[in-house]
Amino acid sequence: MSENATIQRKLTPSEISTLHTQLYPILLPTTTSQPDNNNEEVQSKEDATDLLDYLFAMMNNGKPVNTCVEELIGMEMDICGKLKAEKMGEVIMGYLEKHGVCSEQGDNDDG
């Protein structure tokens, strides 16, 4: 299965929660936070949550995983560079394949 796969149906709240739990640490690895950057830390957490919400919306709207990854890279956000976006794509594909909720883009496009 390539990263050109799409989900066959909308993700359930449970699936979104599981993926969120797996993807959030990629965006914001645990570090020892310092008191003087608390506002930045709060903003980063909000950015990570917003980014994941956007990612799940794209997936639920039928965008292929590779398109979602490219979109994340194109946003040029501090919390999600190319390597993080690609890692997220790998985690998503692993999850989707394991749970059988993805199909190759274009498999049934020939009307």
C-alpha atoms as a PDB file:
ATOM      1  CA  MET A   1       0.000   0.000   0.000  1.00  0.00           C
ATOM      2  CA  SER A   2       1.424   3.362  -0.990  1.00  0.00           C
ATOM      3  CA  GLU A   3       0.980   6.706   0.684  1.00  0.00           C
ATOM      4  CA  ASN A   4      -1.378   7.516  -2.192  1.00  0.00           C
ATOM      5  CA  ALA A   5      -4.077   5.645  -0.274  1.00  0.00           C
ATOM      6  CA  THR A   6      -7.304   7.202   0.929  1.00  0.00           C
ATOM      7  CA  ILE A   7      -9.625   6.085   3.689  1.00  0.00           C
ATOM      8  CA  GLN A   8     -12.697   4.114   2.598  1.00  0.00           C
ATOM      9  CA  ARG A   9     -14.955   5.794   5.128  1.00  0.00           C
ATOM     10  CA  LYS A  10     -14.839   8.599   7.643  1.00  0.00           C
ATOM     11  CA  LEU A  11     -12.675   7.943  10.670  1.00  0.00           C
ATOM     12  CA  THR A  12     -14.585   7.187  13.857  1.00  0.00           C
ATOM     13  CA  PRO A  13     -14.069   9.356  16.942  1.00  0.00           C
ATOM     14  CA  SER A  14     -12.162   6.444  18.497  1.00  0.00           C
ATOM     15  CA  GLU A  15      -9.849   6.159  15.472  1.00  0.00           C
ATOM     16  CA  ILE A  16      -9.245   9.904  15.478  1.00  0.00           C
ATOM     17  CA  SER A  17      -8.444   9.775  19.184  1.00  0.00           C
ATOM     18  CA  THR A  18      -5.997   6.902  18.670  1.00  0.00           C
ATOM     19  CA  LEU A  19      -4.282   8.639  15.747  1.00  0.00           C
ATOM     20  CA  HIS A  20      -4.158  11.894  17.702  1.00  0.00           C
ATOM     21  CA  THR A  21      -2.416  10.066  20.540  1.00  0.00           C
ATOM     22  CA  GLN A  22       0.132   8.628  18.092  1.00  0.00           C
ATOM     23  CA  LEU A  23       0.728  11.819  16.080  1.00  0.00           C
ATOM     24  CA  TYR A  24       0.773  14.503  18.795  1.00  0.00           C
ATOM     25  CA  PRO A  25       4.156  13.400  20.226  1.00  0.00           C
ATOM     26  CA  ILE A  26       5.679  13.686  16.740  1.00  0.00           C
ATOM     27  CA  LEU A  27       4.669  17.343  16.615  1.00  0.00           C
ATOM     28  CA  LEU A  28       5.528  18.124  20.223  1.00  0.00           C
ATOM     29  CA  PRO A  29       8.038  15.697  21.678  1.00  0.00           C
ATOM     30  CA  THR A  30       8.186  15.854  25.458  1.00  0.00           C
ATOM     31  CA  THR A  31      10.828  18.241  26.617  1.00  0.00           C
ATOM     32  CA  THR A  32      11.534  19.915  29.886  1.00  0.00           C
ATOM     33  CA  SER A  33       9.664  23.173  29.545  1.00  0.00           C
ATOM     34  CA  GLN A  34      11.067  26.319  31.014  1.00  0.00           C
ATOM     35  CA  PRO A  35       8.800  28.807  32.810  1.00  0.00           C
ATOM     36  CA  ASP A  36       9.799  31.730  30.585  1.00  0.00           C
ATOM     37  CA  ASN A  37       8.386  30.127  27.426  1.00  0.00           C
ATOM     38  CA  ASN A  38       4.967  29.142  28.782  1.00  0.00           C
ATOM     39  CA  ASN A  39       3.069  31.285  26.250  1.00  0.00           C
ATOM     40  CA  GLU A  40       4.983  29.667  23.378  1.00  0.00           C
ATOM     41  CA  GLU A  41       4.290  26.223  24.816  1.00  0.00           C
ATOM     42  CA  VAL A  42       0.556  26.937  25.039  1.00  0.00           C
ATOM     43  CA  GLN A  43       0.549  28.277  21.475  1.00  0.00           C
ATOM     44  CA  SER A  44       2.472  25.231  20.225  1.00  0.00           C
ATOM     45  CA  LYS A  45      -0.055  22.897  21.860  1.00  0.00           C
ATOM     46  CA  GLU A  46      -2.920  24.806  20.247  1.00  0.00           C
ATOM     47  CA  ASP A  47      -1.132  24.764  16.872  1.00  0.00           C
ATOM     48  CA  ALA A  48      -0.560  21.006  17.150  1.00  0.00           C
ATOM     49  CA  THR A  49      -4.205  20.345  17.977  1.00  0.00           C
ATOM     50  CA  ASP A  50      -5.409  22.613  15.149  1.00  0.00           C
ATOM     51  CA  LEU A  51      -3.018  20.956  12.697  1.00  0.00           C
ATOM     52  CA  LEU A  52      -4.203  17.475  13.624  1.00  0.00           C
ATOM     53  CA  ASP A  53      -7.861  18.546  13.368  1.00  0.00           C
ATOM     54  CA  TYR A  54      -7.121  19.879   9.879  1.00  0.00           C
ATOM     55  CA  LEU A  55      -5.302  16.664   8.947  1.00  0.00           C
ATOM     56  CA  PHE A  56      -8.240  14.487  10.028  1.00  0.00           C
ATOM     57  CA  ALA A  57     -10.690  16.741   8.163  1.00  0.00           C
ATOM     58  CA  MET A  58      -8.634  16.378   4.965  1.00  0.00           C
ATOM     59  CA  MET A  59      -8.567  12.607   5.383  1.00  0.00           C
ATOM     60  CA  ASN A  60     -12.314  12.437   6.071  1.00  0.00           C
ATOM     61  CA  ASN A  61     -12.881  14.485   2.917  1.00  0.00           C
ATOM     62  CA  GLY A  62     -11.138  11.801   0.853  1.00  0.00           C
ATOM     63  CA  LYS A  63      -7.703  13.343   0.333  1.00  0.00           C
ATOM     64  CA  PRO A  64      -4.933  10.765  -0.166  1.00  0.00           C
ATOM     65  CA  VAL A  65      -2.416  10.479   2.661  1.00  0.00           C
ATOM     66  CA  ASN A  66       0.426  11.777   0.463  1.00  0.00           C
ATOM     67  CA  THR A  67      -1.624  14.870  -0.423  1.00  0.00           C
ATOM     68  CA  CYS A  68      -2.275  15.493   3.277  1.00  0.00           C
ATOM     69  CA  VAL A  69       1.457  15.194   4.012  1.00  0.00           C
ATOM     70  CA  GLU A  70       2.305  17.599   1.186  1.00  0.00           C
ATOM     71  CA  GLU A  71      -0.270  20.047   2.530  1.00  0.00           C
ATOM     72  CA  LEU A  72       1.279  19.906   6.007  1.00  0.00           C
ATOM     73  CA  ILE A  73       4.731  20.537   4.537  1.00  0.00           C
ATOM     74  CA  GLY A  74       3.395  23.424   2.456  1.00  0.00           C
ATOM     75  CA  MET A  75       1.960  25.133   5.533  1.00  0.00           C
ATOM     76  CA  GLU A  76       5.530  25.773   6.733  1.00  0.00           C
ATOM     77  CA  MET A  77       4.573  25.743  10.399  1.00  0.00           C
ATOM     78  CA  ASP A  78       7.331  25.746  12.995  1.00  0.00           C
ATOM     79  CA  ILE A  79       5.928  22.660  14.702  1.00  0.00           C
ATOM     80  CA  CYS A  80       5.661  20.562  11.516  1.00  0.00           C
ATOM     81  CA  GLY A  81       8.538  20.512   9.066  1.00  0.00           C
ATOM     82  CA  LYS A  82       9.092  18.040   6.243  1.00  0.00           C
ATOM     83  CA  LEU A  83      10.547  15.252   8.395  1.00  0.00           C
ATOM     84  CA  LYS A  84       7.748  15.430  10.955  1.00  0.00           C
ATOM     85  CA  ALA A  85       5.068  15.506   8.244  1.00  0.00           C
ATOM     86  CA  GLU A  86       6.604  12.486   6.513  1.00  0.00           C
ATOM     87  CA  LYS A  87       6.825  10.610   9.824  1.00  0.00           C
ATOM     88  CA  MET A  88       3.169  11.402  10.469  1.00  0.00           C
ATOM     89  CA  GLY A  89       2.322  10.012   7.021  1.00  0.00           C
ATOM     90  CA  GLU A  90       4.128   6.775   7.871  1.00  0.00           C
ATOM     91  CA  VAL A  91       2.293   6.444  11.188  1.00  0.00           C
ATOM     92  CA  ILE A  92      -1.068   7.131   9.505  1.00  0.00           C
ATOM     93  CA  MET A  93      -0.418   4.567   6.770  1.00  0.00           C
ATOM     94  CA  GLY A  94       0.620   1.957   9.316  1.00  0.00           C
ATOM     95  CA  TYR A  95      -2.544   2.562  11.305  1.00  0.00           C
ATOM     96  CA  LEU A  96      -4.834   2.546   8.264  1.00  0.00           C
ATOM     97  CA  GLU A  97      -3.289  -0.621   6.846  1.00  0.00           C
ATOM     98  CA  LYS A  98      -3.421  -2.411  10.198  1.00  0.00           C
ATOM     99  CA  HIS A  99      -7.106  -1.560  10.599  1.00  0.00           C
ATOM    100  CA  GLY A 100      -8.065  -2.135   6.945  1.00  0.00           C
ATOM    101  CA  VAL A 101      -9.631   1.265   6.340  1.00  0.00           C
ATOM    102  CA  CYS A 102      -7.638   2.414   3.320  1.00  0.00           C
ATOM    103  CA  SER A 103      -7.637   1.813  -0.414  1.00  0.00           C
ATOM    104  CA  GLU A 104      -5.336   2.839  -3.245  1.00  0.00           C
ATOM    105  CA  GLN A 105      -6.299   6.125  -4.898  1.00  0.00           C
ATOM    106  CA  GLY A 106      -7.559   5.394  -8.381  1.00  0.00           C
ATOM    107  CA  ASP A 107      -8.444   1.703  -7.858  1.00  0.00           C
ATOM    108  CA  ASN A 108     -12.054   2.263  -8.868  1.00  0.00           C
ATOM    109  CA  ASP A 109     -11.901   5.522 -10.805  1.00  0.00           C
ATOM    110  CA  ASP A 110     -12.623   4.039 -14.244  1.00  0.00           C
ATOM    111  CA  GLY A 111     -16.386   4.567 -14.297  1.00  0.00           C
END
